[in-house]
Amino acid sequence: MMALTGWRRHLTAALLGGLATFALPPAYAVPVLLLAFPGLLWLLDGAATKRSAFLIGWWFGFGHFLLGLYWISFALLTDIARFWWMMPFAAAGLPALLAIFIGAATLCLHVLARRLALRGLARVLALAMLWTVAEYLRGHVLTGFPWNLIGYSWVGFPPVLQSVAVIGTYGLGLVTVAVAGLPALLGDRSESRRRAMGSIAAGLLLVALIGAAGWVRLSQSDGPTVPGVTLRIVQPNIAQTLKWNPAERARNFERLLELTAEPPAPGAHSSTQLASTQVTPTHVIWPETAVPFFLERDAAARQAIGSVTPSGGAVITGAPRVRTETDGTNRFWNSLHAVDGSGALLASYDKFHLVPFGEYMPLRGILPVASIAAGATDFSAGPGPATLEIPGLPPFSPLICYEVIFPARVKDASRRPDWLLNVTNDAWYGISAGPHQHFAIAQARAAEEGLPLVRAANTGISGVIDGYGRPTAYLELGSRGVVDAALPKALDNTPYGRMGDLILVVLLMSFGVGTTIARQTA
C-alpha cells in the first residue's frame, strides 16, 4: 500500500473511506474501521510530499462522504425540472468540500510526523487527534455540518453509547479512531510485534471497559415515565411531491386530523408501559411544517386542530409563520406552534439553525437562485434555543429538523428542559439511509444530555427515545399511522450536558500527552 502511486493510491483511499462508512448507521459494521484507518495510515507512509498527503486524505474523505451522504441529492428529485443542474453539486460537490477537512488532517499529520519524528503509536494517536479536530471544525465552520461523525458508529451498541454522557460524540470518535488505527502498528517497522500486539490489546480492552461501564449504567435504569402524560405521535407519510401541492393541501391537513382523532391504540413498537392498555393521549405531536397554512392568521385551521385536541392538552405542530413588515414585505419562519382545544396558540418557536441552500441561499445577492425548500424568499432565523412550557407537559426544548445534529447546542443552557422535541420532514430523502442516520443522531443527543427525545417525522422514523439513547416507541420509515407512548423521565444532568465540549479539550490534551510519551519511548 505504501508503494501505490497515482490513481491507484487515490482509488484505494476512496475505497477505504467508503468502507469506513459501513460502520455508521444504519449498517453499524464497526469492525471495518480496523481495516479503513490502518489502510489510511499505510497509504500515508508512502506520501513523499505535502500535496500527496493532502490528496490521500481528501480521497479518503471523498469516498467516505460520497457513500454516506448520497441521499442528499434525492431532495432535488422533488422538482427535478428546476434543480436538475444542481444534482452533480449535491451528489459530489458536498462530499468534495467536506473531504477538505480530512485532507487537512492528513496534511497536518504528514507535517507533524516529519518535524517531530512521530512513529508507531505516537502517529496513531496524532491521527485520532487531528481527525477529531477536523470533525469539530466541520461541525462549526460556515454554520457547520456535523453529520455522520465517526462516534455515531456506536449508536447501535447502547452500552458503548453511554460514554457520550461524559465525553460526547466527538470524544467517542476520538477514542474510536485511536483504537481503529492501532492495527497499523503491525506494518510499522519501528514497532516490535510484541509492542504492537500489546497496544492493540490495550485498545480493545479500553472499548470493552467502556462497554462494561455502560452496561452497568443501563442495568441500573428502571425506565420511569412522567405520570399523567401520554403522547400521540402522528406520522402522515405524505410524499414531498404532494406536500405543498395546492390541490392536496386540504386533504393532507384532513389526514392529520383523522389520524389524531383515531381511538387509542399503541402500535406494535410502543413502549411497554402502554403496550397492554389503551390510554387516551394527553398531547399530540405533528411533524415539521405539517400544517401548510399560517396558523397565526388562519382561525379556521386552528379551530379544526382544536376540535381533535385532547381535553386539557395540546397539539404541537410544525407550520410556517409570516409577518408583514412596515415596508410591506413579508418575513417567513420555519416554526413550531402549540394549539389548545379552543384553537388558541399557547406557544411558538422559530427555527434558528437554518439549512444552507435548503431554507436560505447563502450570498443571495451574488447567487440569485431559489433555495430548495424556501424558494425565492429565504426563511428568517429564530433567536436560538428555548425552553417552552405547555399545560400538562414538563418543559421541553424544541428542535426543528437538523437542529438536532449539533452536539451541545440543543437546549437553553440557562434553563435545562426535561425533554427534547424534534419535529422533522425527511420525506425529501425517500427510503434511504438518510432518515436512519437522522434518527441515530437523535439517539446520541438524548444520551449526551440525559434527556428523553420525542421525534415526529412526516415519513419516519418517528418515536420516543429515553435519556440513555434507547428507543422506547417508534414508527417505521415509510409507514402511516400513530403511536401512543409514555414520556420517559429526564435523567440527572450529565457531565457532557453541564460542560459540553470543554471535556473534549481535556481529552485532546490527554491524547497530546500520550503522543509525547509514545514518541519518547518509541
Protein backbone atom coordinates (compact mmCIF):
# COMPACT_ATOMS: atom_id res chain seq x y z
CA MET A 1 0.00 0.00 0.00
CA MET A 2 2.95 2.30 0.63
CA ALA A 3 4.14 1.68 -2.89
CA LEU A 4 0.87 2.64 -4.56
CA THR A 5 1.04 5.82 -6.62
CA GLY A 6 -1.16 7.93 -8.84
CA TRP A 7 -4.74 6.89 -9.48
CA ARG A 8 -4.23 3.53 -7.74
CA ARG A 9 -3.33 5.29 -4.49
CA HIS A 10 -6.27 7.69 -4.78
CA LEU A 11 -8.76 4.96 -5.69
CA THR A 12 -7.60 2.86 -2.76
CA ALA A 13 -8.00 5.83 -0.42
CA ALA A 14 -11.53 6.47 -1.73
CA LEU A 15 -12.45 2.81 -1.30
CA LEU A 16 -11.12 2.80 2.27
CA GLY A 17 -13.14 5.94 3.04
CA GLY A 18 -16.24 4.31 1.60
CA LEU A 19 -15.53 1.20 3.65
CA ALA A 20 -15.46 3.29 6.83
CA THR A 21 -18.99 4.48 6.03
CA PHE A 22 -20.34 0.99 6.71
CA ALA A 23 -19.50 1.48 10.39
CA LEU A 24 -22.13 4.23 10.55
CA PRO A 25 -25.90 3.85 10.75
CA PRO A 26 -27.82 2.01 9.52
CA ALA A 27 -25.15 -0.70 8.93
CA TYR A 28 -23.13 -0.39 12.20
CA ALA A 29 -20.36 -2.65 10.85
CA VAL A 30 -17.84 -1.17 13.28
CA PRO A 31 -15.05 -3.75 12.65
CA VAL A 32 -14.49 -2.31 9.16
CA LEU A 33 -12.78 0.63 10.86
CA LEU A 34 -9.98 -1.76 11.85
CA LEU A 35 -9.23 -2.00 8.13
CA ALA A 36 -10.04 1.52 6.96
CA PHE A 37 -7.86 3.55 9.32
CA PRO A 38 -4.78 1.30 9.21
CA GLY A 39 -5.09 1.41 5.43
CA LEU A 40 -5.17 5.19 5.54
CA LEU A 41 -2.01 5.27 7.67
CA TRP A 42 -0.21 2.83 5.37
CA LEU A 43 -1.09 4.95 2.34
CA LEU A 44 0.28 8.00 4.16
CA ASP A 45 3.52 6.08 4.76
CA GLY A 46 4.07 6.34 1.01
CA ALA A 47 3.36 10.07 0.81
CA ALA A 48 6.59 11.89 -0.01
CA THR A 49 5.13 15.38 -0.31
CA LYS A 50 2.58 17.57 1.44
CA ARG A 51 0.44 17.53 -1.67
CA SER A 52 0.29 13.75 -1.80
CA ALA A 53 -0.54 13.58 1.93
CA PHE A 54 -3.42 16.01 1.46
CA LEU A 55 -4.75 14.15 -1.57
CA ILE A 56 -4.71 10.81 0.22
CA GLY A 57 -6.87 12.28 2.99
CA TRP A 58 -9.06 14.13 0.51
CA TRP A 59 -9.79 10.99 -1.50
CA PHE A 60 -10.45 9.04 1.70
CA GLY A 61 -12.91 11.75 2.77
CA PHE A 62 -14.49 11.95 -0.68
CA GLY A 63 -15.22 8.23 -0.71
CA HIS A 64 -16.48 8.41 2.86
CA PHE A 65 -18.91 11.28 2.29
CA LEU A 66 -19.92 10.23 -1.23
CA LEU A 67 -21.29 6.94 0.10
CA GLY A 68 -22.52 8.30 3.41
CA LEU A 69 -24.40 11.31 2.01
CA TYR A 70 -25.63 10.00 -1.35
CA TRP A 71 -29.23 10.55 -0.24
CA ILE A 72 -28.93 14.36 -0.07
CA SER A 73 -29.32 14.60 -3.84
CA PHE A 74 -32.74 12.89 -3.52
CA ALA A 75 -34.16 16.23 -2.32
CA LEU A 76 -33.69 17.62 -5.83
CA LEU A 77 -35.88 14.90 -7.32
CA THR A 78 -38.97 16.57 -5.84
CA ASP A 79 -38.62 19.25 -8.53
CA ILE A 80 -36.07 17.86 -10.92
CA ALA A 81 -37.19 20.20 -13.72
CA ARG A 82 -35.95 23.19 -11.69
CA PHE A 83 -32.99 21.70 -9.89
CA TRP A 84 -31.53 19.14 -12.32
CA TRP A 85 -28.42 21.25 -12.75
CA MET A 86 -27.70 21.03 -9.02
CA MET A 87 -27.54 17.22 -8.96
CA PRO A 88 -23.75 17.00 -9.53
CA PHE A 89 -23.13 19.60 -6.83
CA ALA A 90 -25.33 17.79 -4.30
CA ALA A 91 -24.07 14.29 -5.13
CA ALA A 92 -20.35 15.04 -5.49
CA GLY A 93 -19.82 18.72 -4.66
CA LEU A 94 -20.71 18.49 -0.98
CA PRO A 95 -18.54 15.37 -0.43
CA ALA A 96 -15.71 17.16 -2.22
CA LEU A 97 -15.98 20.16 0.12
CA LEU A 98 -16.29 18.09 3.29
CA ALA A 99 -13.31 15.96 2.22
CA ILE A 100 -11.12 19.07 2.54
CA PHE A 101 -11.34 18.71 6.33
CA ILE A 102 -9.96 15.16 6.13
CA GLY A 103 -7.30 16.21 3.66
CA ALA A 104 -6.22 19.00 6.01
CA ALA A 105 -5.98 16.47 8.85
CA THR A 106 -3.72 14.10 6.90
CA LEU A 107 -1.62 17.03 5.67
CA CYS A 108 -1.07 18.15 9.27
CA LEU A 109 -0.23 14.58 10.27
CA HIS A 110 2.34 14.38 7.48
CA VAL A 111 3.99 17.63 8.59
CA LEU A 112 3.99 16.76 12.29
CA ALA A 113 5.25 13.24 11.70
CA ARG A 114 8.31 14.56 9.92
CA ARG A 115 9.06 17.53 12.13
CA LEU A 116 8.52 15.66 15.40
CA ALA A 117 9.62 12.23 14.20
CA LEU A 118 6.25 10.68 15.05
CA ARG A 119 6.24 6.94 14.50
CA GLY A 120 4.25 3.96 15.62
CA LEU A 121 1.78 4.57 18.41
CA ALA A 122 2.52 8.30 18.52
CA ARG A 123 1.42 8.67 14.92
CA VAL A 124 -1.79 6.69 15.51
CA LEU A 125 -2.71 8.94 18.43
CA ALA A 126 -1.88 12.02 16.38
CA LEU A 127 -4.20 10.83 13.60
CA ALA A 128 -7.03 10.39 16.12
CA MET A 129 -6.49 13.90 17.46
CA LEU A 130 -6.35 15.52 14.04
CA TRP A 131 -9.37 13.56 12.78
CA THR A 132 -11.35 14.77 15.79
CA VAL A 133 -10.28 18.38 15.31
CA ALA A 134 -11.33 18.08 11.66
CA GLU A 135 -14.74 16.73 12.70
CA TYR A 136 -15.17 19.52 15.22
CA LEU A 137 -14.31 22.15 12.61
CA ARG A 138 -16.67 20.50 10.14
CA GLY A 139 -19.38 20.85 12.77
CA HIS A 140 -18.80 24.59 13.25
CA VAL A 141 -17.26 26.26 10.18
CA LEU A 142 -19.80 28.10 7.97
CA THR A 143 -22.70 27.14 10.31
CA GLY A 144 -21.37 23.56 10.46
CA PHE A 145 -22.49 20.16 9.21
CA PRO A 146 -21.60 17.52 11.84
CA TRP A 147 -23.46 14.70 10.10
CA ASN A 148 -22.06 11.15 10.26
CA LEU A 149 -19.47 11.81 12.95
CA ILE A 150 -17.47 8.64 13.42
CA GLY A 151 -18.72 8.36 17.01
CA TYR A 152 -22.21 7.55 15.68
CA SER A 153 -20.85 4.12 14.79
CA TRP A 154 -21.71 3.12 18.36
CA VAL A 155 -25.37 4.17 18.43
CA GLY A 156 -26.28 0.56 17.64
CA PHE A 157 -24.33 -0.57 20.74
CA PRO A 158 -26.12 1.05 23.72
CA PRO A 159 -23.53 0.13 26.38
CA VAL A 160 -20.72 1.87 24.48
CA LEU A 161 -23.01 4.76 23.55
CA GLN A 162 -23.39 5.61 27.26
CA SER A 163 -19.90 7.11 27.20
CA VAL A 164 -21.20 10.15 25.29
CA ALA A 165 -22.89 11.27 28.52
CA VAL A 166 -19.33 12.05 29.68
CA ILE A 167 -17.13 12.60 26.63
CA GLY A 168 -19.70 13.47 23.96
CA THR A 169 -19.87 12.15 20.41
CA TYR A 170 -16.68 13.96 19.39
CA GLY A 171 -14.86 12.36 22.33
CA LEU A 172 -16.17 8.91 21.47
CA GLY A 173 -14.97 9.47 17.91
CA LEU A 174 -11.51 10.34 19.23
CA VAL A 175 -11.30 7.05 21.11
CA THR A 176 -12.75 5.15 18.14
CA VAL A 177 -10.19 6.40 15.60
CA ALA A 178 -7.33 5.81 18.04
CA VAL A 179 -8.34 2.19 18.63
CA ALA A 180 -9.22 1.56 14.98
CA GLY A 181 -5.80 2.82 13.85
CA LEU A 182 -3.80 0.52 16.13
CA PRO A 183 -3.59 -2.44 13.71
CA ALA A 184 -1.44 -0.17 11.52
CA LEU A 185 1.35 -0.86 14.01
CA LEU A 186 1.61 -4.41 12.65
CA GLY A 187 3.07 -2.95 9.45
CA ASP A 188 5.30 -0.39 11.17
CA ARG A 189 8.97 -1.42 11.21
CA SER A 190 9.66 0.99 14.09
CA GLU A 191 7.37 -1.07 16.35
CA SER A 192 8.15 -4.52 17.67
CA ARG A 193 5.45 -7.09 17.06
CA ARG A 194 5.09 -7.61 20.81
CA ARG A 195 4.52 -3.91 21.46
CA ALA A 196 2.13 -3.65 18.52
CA MET A 197 0.02 -6.56 19.76
CA GLY A 198 0.08 -5.13 23.27
CA SER A 199 -1.17 -1.76 22.01
CA ILE A 200 -3.96 -3.40 20.02
CA ALA A 201 -5.00 -5.48 23.02
CA ALA A 202 -4.98 -2.39 25.25
CA GLY A 203 -7.17 -0.51 22.76
CA LEU A 204 -9.71 -3.31 22.54
CA LEU A 205 -9.68 -3.61 26.33
CA LEU A 206 -10.45 0.11 26.59
CA VAL A 207 -13.52 -0.32 24.36
CA ALA A 208 -14.57 -3.34 26.42
CA LEU A 209 -14.25 -1.35 29.65
CA ILE A 210 -16.30 1.49 28.18
CA GLY A 211 -18.95 -1.02 27.18
CA ALA A 212 -18.89 -2.67 30.61
CA ALA A 213 -19.35 0.67 32.35
CA GLY A 214 -22.24 1.44 30.01
CA TRP A 215 -23.82 -1.95 30.68
CA VAL A 216 -23.70 -1.29 34.42
CA ARG A 217 -25.31 2.12 33.87
CA LEU A 218 -28.10 0.61 31.79
CA SER A 219 -28.71 -2.22 34.24
CA GLN A 220 -29.46 0.32 36.96
CA SER A 221 -32.20 2.05 34.95
CA ASP A 222 -35.82 1.18 35.63
CA GLY A 223 -37.38 3.24 32.84
CA PRO A 224 -39.54 5.66 34.87
CA THR A 225 -42.05 7.76 32.93
CA VAL A 226 -43.82 11.05 33.55
CA PRO A 227 -47.16 10.30 35.22
CA GLY A 228 -50.28 11.53 33.52
CA VAL A 229 -48.64 12.14 30.14
CA THR A 230 -49.32 10.06 27.03
CA LEU A 231 -48.01 11.39 23.73
CA ARG A 232 -49.56 10.60 20.39
CA ILE A 233 -47.01 10.94 17.59
CA VAL A 234 -48.61 11.29 14.17
CA GLN A 235 -46.75 10.16 11.06
CA PRO A 236 -48.87 11.05 7.98
CA ASN A 237 -46.36 9.74 5.41
CA ILE A 238 -47.10 12.41 2.81
CA ALA A 239 -44.82 12.35 -0.23
CA GLN A 240 -42.81 15.54 -0.66
CA THR A 241 -44.14 15.96 -4.19
CA LEU A 242 -47.67 16.18 -2.73
CA LYS A 243 -46.95 18.04 0.48
CA TRP A 244 -47.21 21.56 -0.96
CA ASN A 245 -49.37 20.74 -3.96
CA PRO A 246 -52.28 23.26 -3.79
CA ALA A 247 -54.75 20.55 -4.81
CA GLU A 248 -53.57 18.27 -1.99
CA ARG A 249 -53.05 20.65 0.93
CA ALA A 250 -56.59 20.41 2.28
CA ARG A 251 -56.56 16.61 2.03
CA ASN A 252 -53.16 16.40 3.73
CA PHE A 253 -54.49 18.52 6.59
CA GLU A 254 -57.58 16.31 6.89
CA ARG A 255 -55.36 13.24 7.07
CA LEU A 256 -53.56 14.70 10.09
CA LEU A 257 -56.89 15.45 11.77
CA GLU A 258 -58.17 11.93 11.08
CA LEU A 259 -55.06 10.26 12.46
CA THR A 260 -55.17 12.47 15.54
CA ALA A 261 -58.80 11.52 16.19
CA GLU A 262 -58.25 7.76 15.97
CA PRO A 263 -59.07 5.72 19.12
CA PRO A 264 -56.17 4.96 21.48
CA ALA A 265 -54.16 2.10 20.04
CA PRO A 266 -50.49 1.71 20.93
CA GLY A 267 -48.64 0.32 17.95
CA ALA A 268 -46.52 -2.79 17.68
CA HIS A 269 -43.45 -0.77 18.55
CA SER A 270 -44.92 1.09 21.52
CA SER A 271 -43.28 1.35 24.90
CA THR A 272 -44.04 -1.48 27.28
CA GLN A 273 -45.79 0.89 29.68
CA LEU A 274 -48.67 1.21 27.20
CA ALA A 275 -48.45 -1.99 25.23
CA SER A 276 -51.17 -3.86 27.11
CA THR A 277 -53.54 -0.99 27.84
CA GLN A 278 -55.44 1.65 25.95
CA VAL A 279 -54.55 5.04 27.36
CA THR A 280 -56.10 8.19 25.96
CA PRO A 281 -53.41 10.54 24.63
CA THR A 282 -52.98 13.78 26.53
CA HIS A 283 -50.91 15.58 23.88
CA VAL A 284 -50.41 15.18 20.15
CA ILE A 285 -47.29 15.90 18.09
CA TRP A 286 -47.26 16.52 14.35
CA PRO A 287 -44.13 16.77 12.16
CA GLU A 288 -42.26 19.77 10.75
CA THR A 289 -44.46 22.03 8.54
CA ALA A 290 -47.28 19.51 8.95
CA VAL A 291 -49.77 22.39 8.68
CA PRO A 292 -49.43 24.08 5.27
CA PHE A 293 -51.14 27.28 6.46
CA PHE A 294 -50.10 30.27 8.53
CA LEU A 295 -51.76 29.29 11.79
CA GLU A 296 -51.43 32.71 13.40
CA ARG A 297 -53.63 34.07 10.56
CA ASP A 298 -55.91 31.08 9.98
CA ALA A 299 -58.55 30.83 12.73
CA ALA A 300 -60.41 28.10 10.86
CA ALA A 301 -57.34 25.85 10.77
CA ARG A 302 -56.73 26.46 14.47
CA GLN A 303 -60.34 25.59 15.26
CA ALA A 304 -60.05 22.39 13.24
CA ILE A 305 -56.95 21.42 15.23
CA GLY A 306 -58.70 22.36 18.45
CA SER A 307 -61.56 20.02 17.62
CA VAL A 308 -59.23 16.99 17.79
CA THR A 309 -57.05 18.24 20.65
CA PRO A 310 -57.25 16.08 23.80
CA SER A 311 -59.14 17.72 26.66
CA GLY A 312 -56.75 19.86 28.66
CA GLY A 313 -53.90 19.05 26.29
CA ALA A 314 -52.48 20.44 23.08
CA VAL A 315 -51.43 19.65 19.54
CA ILE A 316 -47.82 20.63 18.86
CA THR A 317 -47.15 21.04 15.17
CA GLY A 318 -44.71 22.46 12.70
CA ALA A 319 -46.01 25.23 10.42
CA PRO A 320 -44.63 28.21 8.51
CA ARG A 321 -45.01 31.63 10.12
CA VAL A 322 -45.23 35.00 8.40
CA ARG A 323 -45.01 38.62 9.49
CA THR A 324 -45.62 41.67 7.34
CA GLU A 325 -43.07 44.40 7.97
CA THR A 326 -43.75 48.14 7.94
CA ASP A 327 -42.40 48.40 4.41
CA GLY A 328 -44.96 45.86 3.20
CA THR A 329 -42.52 42.98 2.76
CA ASN A 330 -43.10 39.61 4.37
CA ARG A 331 -40.70 37.66 6.56
CA PHE A 332 -41.08 33.91 6.97
CA TRP A 333 -40.03 31.45 9.64
CA ASN A 334 -39.99 27.67 9.88
CA SER A 335 -41.86 27.41 13.16
CA LEU A 336 -43.48 25.20 15.75
CA HIS A 337 -46.80 26.04 17.42
CA ALA A 338 -48.83 24.57 20.27
CA VAL A 339 -52.62 24.76 19.86
CA ASP A 340 -55.14 24.03 22.65
CA GLY A 341 -58.71 22.75 22.47
CA SER A 342 -60.11 26.23 21.90
CA GLY A 343 -57.88 26.82 18.91
CA ALA A 344 -55.67 29.29 20.77
CA LEU A 345 -51.91 29.42 20.23
CA LEU A 346 -50.22 28.52 23.50
CA ALA A 347 -46.59 28.92 22.43
CA SER A 348 -44.43 29.28 19.34
CA TYR A 349 -40.81 28.65 18.41
CA ASP A 350 -38.85 29.70 15.32
CA LYS A 351 -36.09 27.53 13.90
CA PHE A 352 -32.73 29.26 14.41
CA HIS A 353 -30.27 26.94 12.66
CA LEU A 354 -31.37 27.04 9.04
CA VAL A 355 -30.22 24.71 6.26
CA PRO A 356 -27.99 26.47 3.70
CA PHE A 357 -29.36 26.16 0.15
CA GLY A 358 -32.46 24.48 1.57
CA GLU A 359 -34.05 27.20 3.72
CA TYR A 360 -31.92 30.11 2.64
CA MET A 361 -29.49 30.85 -0.13
CA PRO A 362 -26.05 31.98 1.07
CA LEU A 363 -24.78 35.08 -0.73
CA ARG A 364 -28.17 35.55 -2.36
CA GLY A 365 -27.03 38.89 -3.82
CA ILE A 366 -24.31 37.05 -5.71
CA LEU A 367 -26.21 33.81 -6.31
CA PRO A 368 -29.76 34.81 -7.32
CA VAL A 369 -31.00 31.21 -7.16
CA ALA A 370 -34.09 29.93 -5.36
CA SER A 371 -33.41 27.79 -2.30
CA ILE A 372 -34.86 24.28 -2.46
CA ALA A 373 -37.41 24.50 0.36
CA ALA A 374 -37.98 28.23 0.77
CA GLY A 375 -38.00 29.29 -2.87
CA ALA A 376 -37.17 32.85 -3.85
CA THR A 377 -37.74 34.21 -0.32
CA ASP A 378 -35.47 32.91 2.42
CA PHE A 379 -36.64 31.81 5.83
CA SER A 380 -35.53 34.03 8.70
CA ALA A 381 -33.64 32.60 11.67
CA GLY A 382 -35.14 32.50 15.16
CA PRO A 383 -33.36 33.80 18.27
CA GLY A 384 -31.91 30.48 19.42
CA PRO A 385 -32.57 27.52 21.72
CA ALA A 386 -35.57 27.93 24.00
CA THR A 387 -37.38 26.06 26.75
CA LEU A 388 -41.15 26.03 26.23
CA GLU A 389 -43.88 25.23 28.72
CA ILE A 390 -47.23 23.76 27.68
CA PRO A 391 -50.01 22.93 30.18
CA GLY A 392 -49.79 19.32 31.28
CA LEU A 393 -46.25 18.78 29.97
CA PRO A 394 -42.80 19.13 31.53
CA PRO A 395 -40.78 22.00 29.96
CA PHE A 396 -39.12 20.99 26.69
CA SER A 397 -36.61 22.21 24.12
CA PRO A 398 -37.97 22.24 20.55
CA LEU A 399 -35.66 21.31 17.68
CA ILE A 400 -36.78 21.57 14.07
CA CYS A 401 -35.25 19.20 11.54
CA TYR A 402 -31.47 19.19 11.56
CA GLU A 403 -31.12 21.40 14.63
CA VAL A 404 -30.80 18.08 16.44
CA ILE A 405 -27.49 17.22 14.75
CA PHE A 406 -25.38 19.76 16.65
CA PRO A 407 -23.78 18.42 19.86
CA ALA A 408 -24.02 20.71 22.90
CA ARG A 409 -26.32 23.11 21.02
CA VAL A 410 -29.77 21.60 21.55
CA LYS A 411 -31.00 23.42 24.66
CA ASP A 412 -31.02 26.68 26.55
CA ALA A 413 -28.09 26.19 28.92
CA SER A 414 -29.57 28.62 31.45
CA ARG A 415 -32.79 26.64 31.75
CA ARG A 416 -32.43 22.89 31.30
CA PRO A 417 -35.57 21.29 29.86
CA ASP A 418 -37.00 17.93 30.90
CA TRP A 419 -37.09 16.57 27.34
CA LEU A 420 -36.24 17.37 23.74
CA LEU A 421 -38.77 17.56 20.91
CA ASN A 422 -37.56 17.08 17.34
CA VAL A 423 -40.06 17.63 14.52
CA THR A 424 -38.77 16.97 11.04
CA ASN A 425 -39.67 16.19 7.46
CA ASP A 426 -37.35 13.57 6.00
CA ALA A 427 -39.68 12.95 3.04
CA TRP A 428 -37.15 14.88 0.97
CA TYR A 429 -34.82 11.85 1.14
CA GLY A 430 -37.22 8.99 0.44
CA ILE A 431 -36.46 5.47 1.60
CA SER A 432 -32.72 5.84 2.05
CA ALA A 433 -30.02 5.81 4.70
CA GLY A 434 -30.64 9.49 5.48
CA PRO A 435 -33.66 9.10 7.81
CA HIS A 436 -31.96 6.21 9.63
CA GLN A 437 -28.88 8.36 10.19
CA HIS A 438 -31.04 11.26 11.39
CA PHE A 439 -32.79 9.05 13.96
CA ALA A 440 -29.47 7.67 15.17
CA ILE A 441 -28.14 11.20 15.63
CA ALA A 442 -31.20 11.98 17.77
CA GLN A 443 -30.40 8.94 19.90
CA ALA A 444 -26.90 10.27 20.50
CA ARG A 445 -28.23 13.71 21.51
CA ALA A 446 -30.54 12.10 24.06
CA ALA A 447 -27.70 10.05 25.54
CA GLU A 448 -25.35 13.06 25.66
CA GLU A 449 -27.83 15.23 27.53
CA GLY A 450 -29.54 12.54 29.62
CA LEU A 451 -32.82 13.85 28.25
CA PRO A 452 -35.60 11.86 26.55
CA LEU A 453 -36.21 12.90 22.97
CA VAL A 454 -39.52 12.71 21.13
CA ARG A 455 -39.39 12.72 17.35
CA ALA A 456 -42.20 13.30 14.86
CA ALA A 457 -41.24 12.84 11.22
CA ASN A 458 -43.51 13.14 8.21
CA THR A 459 -42.45 9.84 6.66
CA GLY A 460 -40.46 8.47 9.58
CA ILE A 461 -38.63 7.47 11.59
CA SER A 462 -40.80 8.82 14.43
CA GLY A 463 -40.58 7.69 18.01
CA VAL A 464 -39.60 8.21 21.62
CA ILE A 465 -36.03 7.85 22.90
CA ASP A 466 -35.15 7.70 26.58
CA GLY A 467 -32.28 9.55 28.28
CA TYR A 468 -29.97 6.62 27.62
CA GLY A 469 -30.46 6.86 23.86
CA ARG A 470 -32.74 3.81 23.63
CA PRO A 471 -35.93 3.89 21.52
CA THR A 472 -38.99 3.06 23.61
CA ALA A 473 -41.52 3.54 20.80
CA TYR A 474 -41.24 4.15 17.09
CA LEU A 475 -42.93 4.10 13.70
CA GLU A 476 -41.11 2.53 10.77
CA LEU A 477 -39.79 4.59 7.88
CA GLY A 478 -42.36 4.93 5.11
CA SER A 479 -45.37 3.93 7.22
CA ARG A 480 -48.51 5.91 8.04
CA GLY A 481 -50.07 5.85 11.47
CA VAL A 482 -49.79 6.93 15.08
CA VAL A 483 -48.02 5.65 18.13
CA ASP A 484 -49.15 6.39 21.68
CA ALA A 485 -46.28 6.36 24.13
CA ALA A 486 -45.33 7.39 27.63
CA LEU A 487 -42.79 10.18 28.10
CA PRO A 488 -39.65 8.93 29.88
CA LYS A 489 -38.38 10.98 32.79
CA ALA A 490 -35.24 13.07 32.44
CA LEU A 491 -32.04 11.76 33.99
CA ASP A 492 -29.77 13.86 36.16
CA ASN A 493 -27.73 16.32 34.15
CA THR A 494 -24.77 14.56 32.55
CA PRO A 495 -21.16 15.76 32.67
CA TYR A 496 -21.38 16.49 28.94
CA GLY A 497 -24.68 18.28 29.44
CA ARG A 498 -23.03 20.55 32.01
CA MET A 499 -19.65 21.16 30.39
CA GLY A 500 -20.17 20.38 26.72
CA ASP A 501 -17.06 20.30 24.57
CA LEU A 502 -14.77 21.55 27.33
CA ILE A 503 -14.41 17.86 28.07
CA LEU A 504 -13.18 17.36 24.51
CA VAL A 505 -10.41 19.88 25.12
CA VAL A 506 -9.28 17.92 28.17
CA LEU A 507 -9.36 14.69 26.16
CA LEU A 508 -7.32 16.18 23.33
CA MET A 509 -4.75 17.47 25.81
CA SER A 510 -4.55 13.99 27.36
CA PHE A 511 -4.00 12.45 23.95
CA GLY A 512 -1.33 15.06 23.30
CA VAL A 513 0.49 13.96 26.45
CA GLY A 514 0.09 10.33 25.38
CA THR A 515 1.52 11.14 21.97
CA THR A 516 4.55 12.78 23.56
CA ILE A 517 5.17 9.79 25.83
CA ALA A 518 4.76 7.34 22.93
CA ARG A 519 7.19 9.39 20.85
CA GLN A 520 9.81 9.42 23.57
CA THR A 521 9.54 5.68 24.22
CA ALA A 522 9.47 4.64 20.55
